[in-house]
C-alpha cells in the first residue's frame, strides 16, 4: 500500500466513523501532513464533540503552518464554538500556523471582542502580539 493510498484511507475513515474516540486517534496519526489537512478540517466541521475539536485544532497547529485551508477551518471553528477551552486551543493553533495571516488575525480579533472570559482574552492578546509581527515582516520583504 502506498503512502498516498494510506493517507486517503485514513481521511476516508475519519469522514465515515462517528465514534469520537476513533476520530481522535485517527486525527493523531499525522503521517499525512498537508495531505491530511483537508480531512482534519472536514472533521472540525462535522463534529460537535469539543474534545475532538480541541485535538484536531492542536494537530492542525502542528502541521498546518501557512496552510490557508487549515487557517480557514480554525477560524470557522472559532466563530461557532462557545467552549472557552476549545477557543483557547484554536487560538494557540492559529498562533502557531497563522503568522502574519490576515484571516487568522481577524478571527482572533473577533474572538477578543466576543469573549467575556479573561483567560481567553489574555491568551488571545498575547497570540495577536506574536502573529501580528508577521505582518510587519511581510511588508518589509
Protein backbone atom coordinates (compact mmCIF):
# COMPACT_ATOMS: atom_id res chain seq x y z
CA UNK A 1 0.00 0.00 0.00
CA UNK A 2 1.45 3.38 -0.98
CA UNK A 3 1.69 6.35 1.34
CA UNK A 4 -0.89 8.26 -0.70
CA UNK A 5 -3.43 5.44 -0.56
CA UNK A 6 -2.80 5.04 3.18
CA UNK A 7 -3.47 8.73 3.74
CA UNK A 8 -6.58 8.58 1.55
CA UNK A 9 -7.80 5.61 3.57
CA UNK A 10 -7.27 7.43 6.87
CA UNK A 11 -9.08 10.52 5.61
CA UNK A 12 -11.96 8.38 4.35
CA UNK A 13 -12.20 6.60 7.70
CA UNK A 14 -12.15 9.96 9.51
CA UNK A 15 -15.13 11.03 7.44
CA UNK A 16 -17.13 7.82 7.86
CA UNK A 17 -16.74 6.92 11.52
CA UNK A 18 -18.99 8.55 14.10
CA UNK A 19 -17.09 7.21 17.12
CA UNK A 20 -15.34 10.25 18.61
CA UNK A 21 -12.56 8.26 20.28
CA UNK A 22 -11.73 6.63 16.93
CA UNK A 23 -11.80 10.04 15.25
CA UNK A 24 -9.35 11.48 17.79
CA UNK A 25 -6.99 8.51 17.39
CA UNK A 26 -7.11 8.79 13.60
CA UNK A 27 -6.51 12.52 13.78
CA UNK A 28 -3.42 11.90 15.93
CA UNK A 29 -1.88 9.96 13.04
CA UNK A 30 -0.05 12.89 11.45
CA UNK A 31 1.66 10.75 8.84
CA UNK A 32 -0.20 12.56 6.06
CA UNK A 33 0.93 16.09 6.87
CA UNK A 34 -0.51 18.52 4.37
CA UNK A 35 -2.43 15.76 2.61
CA UNK A 36 -4.38 15.11 5.80
CA UNK A 37 -5.31 18.75 6.42
CA UNK A 38 -8.46 18.59 4.28
CA UNK A 39 -9.71 15.57 6.22
CA UNK A 40 -8.96 17.21 9.55
CA UNK A 41 -10.72 20.43 8.54
CA UNK A 42 -13.72 18.37 7.44
CA UNK A 43 -13.71 16.66 10.84
CA UNK A 44 -13.77 20.08 12.53
CA UNK A 45 -16.88 20.92 10.53
CA UNK A 46 -18.61 17.57 11.16
CA UNK A 47 -18.11 17.02 14.88
CA UNK A 48 -19.74 18.76 17.80
CA UNK A 49 -17.55 16.95 20.32
CA UNK A 50 -15.33 19.56 21.98
CA UNK A 51 -12.61 17.05 22.90
CA UNK A 52 -12.31 16.03 19.25
CA UNK A 53 -12.35 19.66 18.14
CA UNK A 54 -9.52 20.52 20.55
CA UNK A 55 -7.40 17.53 19.47
CA UNK A 56 -7.86 18.32 15.76
CA UNK A 57 -7.11 22.01 16.38
CA UNK A 58 -3.93 21.04 18.24
CA UNK A 59 -2.82 18.81 15.36
CA UNK A 60 -3.57 21.46 12.73
CA UNK A 61 -1.48 23.83 14.83
CA UNK A 62 1.46 21.46 14.38
CA UNK A 63 1.12 20.50 10.70
CA UNK A 64 -0.73 23.38 9.05
CA UNK A 65 1.84 26.17 9.08
CA UNK A 66 0.79 28.75 6.50
CA UNK A 67 -1.93 26.49 5.07
CA UNK A 68 -4.95 28.62 4.13
CA UNK A 69 -7.38 25.70 4.42
CA UNK A 70 -6.22 24.90 7.97
CA UNK A 71 -6.39 28.56 8.97
CA UNK A 72 -9.88 28.98 7.48
CA UNK A 73 -11.13 25.84 9.24
CA UNK A 74 -9.79 27.00 12.59
CA UNK A 75 -11.24 30.50 12.17
CA UNK A 76 -14.60 28.97 11.29
CA UNK A 77 -14.47 26.88 14.46
CA UNK A 78 -13.67 29.99 16.50
CA UNK A 79 -16.85 31.55 15.17
CA UNK A 80 -19.11 28.64 16.05
CA UNK A 81 -17.84 27.21 19.35
CA UNK A 82 -18.75 28.74 22.67
CA UNK A 83 -16.41 26.45 24.62
CA UNK A 84 -13.58 28.56 26.09
CA UNK A 85 -11.09 25.68 26.24
CA UNK A 86 -11.67 25.00 22.56
CA UNK A 87 -11.38 28.70 21.76
CA UNK A 88 -8.02 28.90 23.53
CA UNK A 89 -6.71 25.76 21.78
CA UNK A 90 -7.78 27.12 18.40
CA UNK A 91 -6.16 30.47 19.23
CA UNK A 92 -2.88 28.72 20.13
CA UNK A 93 -3.00 26.76 16.89
CA UNK A 94 -3.62 29.92 14.87
CA UNK A 95 -0.68 31.45 16.71
CA UNK A 96 1.50 28.55 15.54
CA UNK A 97 0.41 28.49 11.90
CA UNK A 98 -1.03 31.92 11.10
CA UNK A 99 1.96 34.22 11.43
CA UNK A 100 1.03 37.43 9.61
CA UNK A 101 -2.11 35.87 8.11
CA UNK A 102 -4.91 38.45 7.89
CA UNK A 103 -7.70 35.86 8.21
CA UNK A 104 -6.14 34.39 11.36
CA UNK A 105 -5.64 37.84 12.84
CA UNK A 106 -9.20 38.93 12.01
CA UNK A 107 -10.62 35.75 13.59
CA UNK A 108 -8.61 36.30 16.76
CA UNK A 109 -9.60 39.98 16.97
CA UNK A 110 -13.24 38.95 16.60
CA UNK A 111 -12.81 36.42 19.43
CA UNK A 112 -11.17 39.07 21.59
CA UNK A 113 -14.23 41.27 21.12
CA UNK A 114 -16.75 38.45 21.60
CA UNK A 115 -15.47 36.53 24.63
CA UNK A 116 -16.07 37.62 28.21
CA UNK A 117 -13.54 35.14 29.59
CA UNK A 118 -10.47 36.99 30.86
CA UNK A 119 -8.14 33.99 30.46
CA UNK A 120 -9.14 33.68 26.82
CA UNK A 121 -8.73 37.43 26.28
CA UNK A 122 -5.27 37.43 27.83
CA UNK A 123 -4.09 34.47 25.78
CA UNK A 124 -5.55 35.83 22.53
CA UNK A 125 -3.92 39.22 23.13
CA UNK A 126 -0.53 37.53 23.57
CA UNK A 127 -1.03 35.47 20.41
CA UNK A 128 -2.06 38.55 18.42
CA UNK A 129 1.12 40.28 19.55
CA UNK A 130 3.11 37.31 18.29
CA UNK A 131 1.45 36.74 14.91
CA UNK A 132 0.85 40.41 14.19
CA UNK A 133 4.62 40.83 13.95
CA UNK A 134 4.44 38.62 10.87
CA UNK A 135 2.58 41.38 9.06
CA UNK A 136 5.44 43.79 9.71
CA UNK A 137 7.99 41.25 8.46
CA UNK A 138 5.94 40.52 5.34
CA UNK A 139 5.59 44.19 4.46
CA UNK A 140 9.36 44.69 4.74
CA UNK A 141 10.11 41.77 2.40
